[in-house]
Structures are given as C-alpha cells and as structure tokens.
Amino acid sequence: MDEAMVSAERWRGQVQAQGSVEQDREALAQLIEYDHDPFETELYESSSDPQNWLIDRAERSYASQ
C-alpha cells in the first residue's frame, strides 16, 4: 500500500471509531442537566447546529464508501 491509501484507511478508522454528533449531543445534554456548566452548554449548542450534523453525516458517509 502506498502512503495515501494508508492515510485514507487510518482516517476511515478514526471516523468510524468516534461517536456521532447525535451521541455527543445526548451526552452533553445529560451533563448540562446535572451541573449546568456554561462550557458544556456552549458545546451542546454547537452540536445542535444543523451545519455540524451535515458535516458529520457527510464524513461518515464518505468514510463508509
């Protein structure tokens, strides 16, 4: 395998191993419910952004091809 293919395989593995935006959003919602940390609230709002959802889905779709 050449270097580009190895890099692509590594990237695909990382994308597939990480949680989705939806999973991150659910975890952040539980944290906010528990302690109302302003930083966690900011992360939650970012994860609720439709643009972030589209990017995450596009990455996951591309990685699974």
C-alpha atoms as a PDB file:
ATOM      1  CA  MET A   1       0.000   0.000   0.000  1.00  0.00           C
ATOM      2  CA  ASP A   2       1.185   3.470  -0.722  1.00  0.00           C
ATOM      3  CA  GLU A   3       1.190   6.264   1.821  1.00  0.00           C
ATOM      4  CA  ALA A   4      -2.062   7.843   0.585  1.00  0.00           C
ATOM      5  CA  MET A   5      -4.007   4.606   0.961  1.00  0.00           C
ATOM      6  CA  VAL A   6      -2.614   4.016   4.445  1.00  0.00           C
ATOM      7  CA  SER A   7      -3.590   7.564   5.418  1.00  0.00           C
ATOM      8  CA  ALA A   8      -7.100   7.095   3.992  1.00  0.00           C
ATOM      9  CA  GLU A   9      -7.575   3.827   5.874  1.00  0.00           C
ATOM     10  CA  ARG A  10      -6.401   5.454   9.112  1.00  0.00           C
ATOM     11  CA  TRP A  11      -8.835   8.367   8.612  1.00  0.00           C
ATOM     12  CA  ARG A  12     -11.738   5.982   7.900  1.00  0.00           C
ATOM     13  CA  GLY A  13     -10.947   4.057  11.067  1.00  0.00           C
ATOM     14  CA  GLN A  14     -10.899   7.232  13.138  1.00  0.00           C
ATOM     15  CA  VAL A  15     -14.214   8.489  11.728  1.00  0.00           C
ATOM     16  CA  GLN A  16     -15.896   5.147  12.319  1.00  0.00           C
ATOM     17  CA  ALA A  17     -14.473   4.832  15.854  1.00  0.00           C
ATOM     18  CA  GLN A  18     -15.598   8.244  17.067  1.00  0.00           C
ATOM     19  CA  GLY A  19     -19.097   8.896  18.266  1.00  0.00           C
ATOM     20  CA  SER A  20     -21.587  10.731  16.121  1.00  0.00           C
ATOM     21  CA  VAL A  21     -22.729  14.289  16.736  1.00  0.00           C
ATOM     22  CA  GLU A  22     -26.062  12.928  17.938  1.00  0.00           C
ATOM     23  CA  GLN A  23     -24.355  10.763  20.567  1.00  0.00           C
ATOM     24  CA  ASP A  24     -22.189  13.673  21.705  1.00  0.00           C
ATOM     25  CA  ARG A  25     -25.269  15.887  21.948  1.00  0.00           C
ATOM     26  CA  GLU A  26     -27.093  13.356  24.131  1.00  0.00           C
ATOM     27  CA  ALA A  27     -24.122  13.017  26.474  1.00  0.00           C
ATOM     28  CA  LEU A  28     -23.771  16.791  26.745  1.00  0.00           C
ATOM     29  CA  ALA A  29     -27.494  17.130  27.491  1.00  0.00           C
ATOM     30  CA  GLN A  30     -27.091  14.762  30.433  1.00  0.00           C
ATOM     31  CA  LEU A  31     -24.086  16.731  31.719  1.00  0.00           C
ATOM     32  CA  ILE A  32     -25.935  20.039  31.419  1.00  0.00           C
ATOM     33  CA  GLU A  33     -28.917  18.616  33.241  1.00  0.00           C
ATOM     34  CA  TYR A  34     -26.575  17.548  36.035  1.00  0.00           C
ATOM     35  CA  ASP A  35     -24.461  20.679  36.590  1.00  0.00           C
ATOM     36  CA  HIS A  36     -25.334  23.479  34.070  1.00  0.00           C
ATOM     37  CA  ASP A  37     -21.691  24.191  33.140  1.00  0.00           C
ATOM     38  CA  PRO A  38     -21.527  27.135  30.663  1.00  0.00           C
ATOM     39  CA  PHE A  39     -18.812  25.458  28.550  1.00  0.00           C
ATOM     40  CA  GLU A  40     -20.853  22.280  28.218  1.00  0.00           C
ATOM     41  CA  THR A  41     -23.866  24.381  27.251  1.00  0.00           C
ATOM     42  CA  GLU A  42     -21.816  26.031  24.511  1.00  0.00           C
ATOM     43  CA  LEU A  43     -20.685  22.621  23.218  1.00  0.00           C
ATOM     44  CA  TYR A  44     -24.291  21.406  23.276  1.00  0.00           C
ATOM     45  CA  GLU A  45     -25.434  24.382  21.235  1.00  0.00           C
ATOM     46  CA  SER A  46     -22.638  23.765  18.744  1.00  0.00           C
ATOM     47  CA  SER A  47     -23.598  20.107  18.432  1.00  0.00           C
ATOM     48  CA  SER A  48     -27.194  21.175  17.784  1.00  0.00           C
ATOM     49  CA  ASP A  49     -26.144  23.258  14.777  1.00  0.00           C
ATOM     50  CA  PRO A  50     -27.570  21.706  11.592  1.00  0.00           C
ATOM     51  CA  GLN A  51     -24.344  22.515   9.718  1.00  0.00           C
ATOM     52  CA  ASN A  52     -22.361  20.337  12.147  1.00  0.00           C
ATOM     53  CA  TRP A  53     -24.864  17.488  11.655  1.00  0.00           C
ATOM     54  CA  LEU A  54     -24.490  17.705   7.876  1.00  0.00           C
ATOM     55  CA  ILE A  55     -20.695  17.667   8.077  1.00  0.00           C
ATOM     56  CA  ASP A  56     -20.702  14.705  10.446  1.00  0.00           C
ATOM     57  CA  ARG A  57     -23.089  12.720   8.262  1.00  0.00           C
ATOM     58  CA  ALA A  58     -21.100  13.548   5.127  1.00  0.00           C
ATOM     59  CA  GLU A  59     -17.847  12.411   6.769  1.00  0.00           C
ATOM     60  CA  ARG A  60     -19.425   9.188   7.965  1.00  0.00           C
ATOM     61  CA  SER A  61     -20.986   8.512   4.583  1.00  0.00           C
ATOM     62  CA  TYR A  62     -17.715   9.166   2.769  1.00  0.00           C
ATOM     63  CA  ALA A  63     -15.759   7.020   5.222  1.00  0.00           C
ATOM     64  CA  SER A  64     -18.081   4.056   4.755  1.00  0.00           C
ATOM     65  CA  GLN A  65     -17.727   4.064   0.964  1.00  0.00           C
END
